[in-house]
Amino acid sequence: MLEIQYIKNGSKETAHFDSAKAFLASQYLEVPPFQDHYPVEEVRLDDVKLDLPEATIGGLFNFLTTQKNES
């Protein structure tokens, strides 16, 4: 499970996805659920906290895409 804690319009929000793949697929939609610039406070993938080089939704997307390709 992927849990994302992020800031949207000054309000802390939390989103859950069954997998990192489900999040990536949602971001490929014509109108994605998250804007790339939203700040990310914390991300957990299968209860492991991820250390993002860039703490934004776009940074998370890039991080997960890179990890997927390295696997």
C-alpha atoms as a PDB file:
ATOM      1  CA  MET A   1       0.000   0.000   0.000  1.00  0.00           C
ATOM      2  CA  LEU A   2       1.145   3.530  -0.784  1.00  0.00           C
ATOM      3  CA  GLU A   3       0.226   6.325   1.623  1.00  0.00           C
ATOM      4  CA  ILE A   4       0.920   9.926   0.633  1.00  0.00           C
ATOM      5  CA  GLN A   5       0.645  12.839   3.077  1.00  0.00           C
ATOM      6  CA  TYR A   6       0.660  16.077   1.121  1.00  0.00           C
ATOM      7  CA  ILE A   7      -0.420  19.725   1.281  1.00  0.00           C
ATOM      8  CA  LYS A   8      -3.240  20.978  -0.957  1.00  0.00           C
ATOM      9  CA  ASN A   9      -4.256  24.637  -0.717  1.00  0.00           C
ATOM     10  CA  GLY A  10      -2.723  24.915   2.761  1.00  0.00           C
ATOM     11  CA  SER A  11      -4.559  21.848   4.081  1.00  0.00           C
ATOM     12  CA  LYS A  12      -2.888  18.549   4.987  1.00  0.00           C
ATOM     13  CA  GLU A  13      -4.369  15.664   2.985  1.00  0.00           C
ATOM     14  CA  THR A  14      -3.727  11.922   2.901  1.00  0.00           C
ATOM     15  CA  ALA A  15      -4.186   9.627  -0.086  1.00  0.00           C
ATOM     16  CA  HIS A  16      -3.997   5.837  -0.230  1.00  0.00           C
ATOM     17  CA  PHE A  17      -3.299   3.587  -3.196  1.00  0.00           C
ATOM     18  CA  ASP A  18      -3.161  -0.191  -3.355  1.00  0.00           C
ATOM     19  CA  SER A  19       0.288   0.032  -4.944  1.00  0.00           C
ATOM     20  CA  ALA A  20       2.860   2.414  -6.368  1.00  0.00           C
ATOM     21  CA  LYS A  21       1.761   1.224  -9.816  1.00  0.00           C
ATOM     22  CA  ALA A  22      -1.817   2.395  -9.111  1.00  0.00           C
ATOM     23  CA  PHE A  23      -0.537   5.876  -8.168  1.00  0.00           C
ATOM     24  CA  LEU A  24       1.606   6.095 -11.295  1.00  0.00           C
ATOM     25  CA  ALA A  25      -1.326   5.032 -13.484  1.00  0.00           C
ATOM     26  CA  SER A  26      -3.547   7.718 -11.930  1.00  0.00           C
ATOM     27  CA  GLN A  27      -0.982  10.407 -12.711  1.00  0.00           C
ATOM     28  CA  TYR A  28      -1.019   9.430 -16.400  1.00  0.00           C
ATOM     29  CA  LEU A  29      -4.707  10.341 -16.698  1.00  0.00           C
ATOM     30  CA  GLU A  30      -5.606  13.346 -18.844  1.00  0.00           C
ATOM     31  CA  VAL A  31      -6.614  15.115 -15.620  1.00  0.00           C
ATOM     32  CA  PRO A  32      -4.496  13.560 -12.840  1.00  0.00           C
ATOM     33  CA  PRO A  33      -5.786  13.618  -9.258  1.00  0.00           C
ATOM     34  CA  PHE A  34      -2.691  15.488  -7.987  1.00  0.00           C
ATOM     35  CA  GLN A  35      -0.815  18.488  -9.317  1.00  0.00           C
ATOM     36  CA  ASP A  36       2.953  18.034  -9.572  1.00  0.00           C
ATOM     37  CA  HIS A  37       3.737  21.049  -7.383  1.00  0.00           C
ATOM     38  CA  TYR A  38       1.840  19.824  -4.270  1.00  0.00           C
ATOM     39  CA  PRO A  39       4.325  19.525  -1.377  1.00  0.00           C
ATOM     40  CA  VAL A  40       4.695  16.033   0.079  1.00  0.00           C
ATOM     41  CA  GLU A  41       5.272  15.697   3.831  1.00  0.00           C
ATOM     42  CA  GLU A  42       5.626  11.912   4.044  1.00  0.00           C
ATOM     43  CA  VAL A  43       5.267   8.864   1.838  1.00  0.00           C
ATOM     44  CA  ARG A  44       5.085   5.250   2.991  1.00  0.00           C
ATOM     45  CA  LEU A  45       5.236   2.268   0.683  1.00  0.00           C
ATOM     46  CA  ASP A  46       4.355  -0.993   2.429  1.00  0.00           C
ATOM     47  CA  ASP A  47       4.974   0.738   5.806  1.00  0.00           C
ATOM     48  CA  VAL A  48       8.480   1.864   4.759  1.00  0.00           C
ATOM     49  CA  LYS A  49       9.054   5.629   4.736  1.00  0.00           C
ATOM     50  CA  LEU A  50      10.468   6.838   1.423  1.00  0.00           C
ATOM     51  CA  ASP A  51      13.197   9.473   1.343  1.00  0.00           C
ATOM     52  CA  LEU A  52      12.373  11.621  -1.682  1.00  0.00           C
ATOM     53  CA  PRO A  53      15.059  13.774  -3.334  1.00  0.00           C
ATOM     54  CA  GLU A  54      12.286  16.262  -4.245  1.00  0.00           C
ATOM     55  CA  ALA A  55       9.366  16.470  -1.777  1.00  0.00           C
ATOM     56  CA  THR A  56       6.555  17.138  -4.264  1.00  0.00           C
ATOM     57  CA  ILE A  57       4.011  14.967  -6.077  1.00  0.00           C
ATOM     58  CA  GLY A  58       6.135  15.364  -9.207  1.00  0.00           C
ATOM     59  CA  GLY A  59       9.204  14.298  -7.257  1.00  0.00           C
ATOM     60  CA  LEU A  60       7.347  11.242  -5.941  1.00  0.00           C
ATOM     61  CA  PHE A  61       6.259  10.352  -9.466  1.00  0.00           C
ATOM     62  CA  ASN A  62       9.857  10.633 -10.740  1.00  0.00           C
ATOM     63  CA  PHE A  63      11.189   8.650  -7.766  1.00  0.00           C
ATOM     64  CA  LEU A  64       8.714   5.787  -8.241  1.00  0.00           C
ATOM     65  CA  THR A  65       9.255   5.722 -12.003  1.00  0.00           C
ATOM     66  CA  THR A  66      13.007   5.463 -11.467  1.00  0.00           C
ATOM     67  CA  GLN A  67      12.628   2.740  -8.819  1.00  0.00           C
ATOM     68  CA  LYS A  68      10.290   0.763 -11.076  1.00  0.00           C
ATOM     69  CA  ASN A  69      12.831   0.864 -13.908  1.00  0.00           C
ATOM     70  CA  GLU A  70      15.683  -0.201 -11.632  1.00  0.00           C
ATOM     71  CA  SER A  71      13.799  -3.260 -10.341  1.00  0.00           C
END
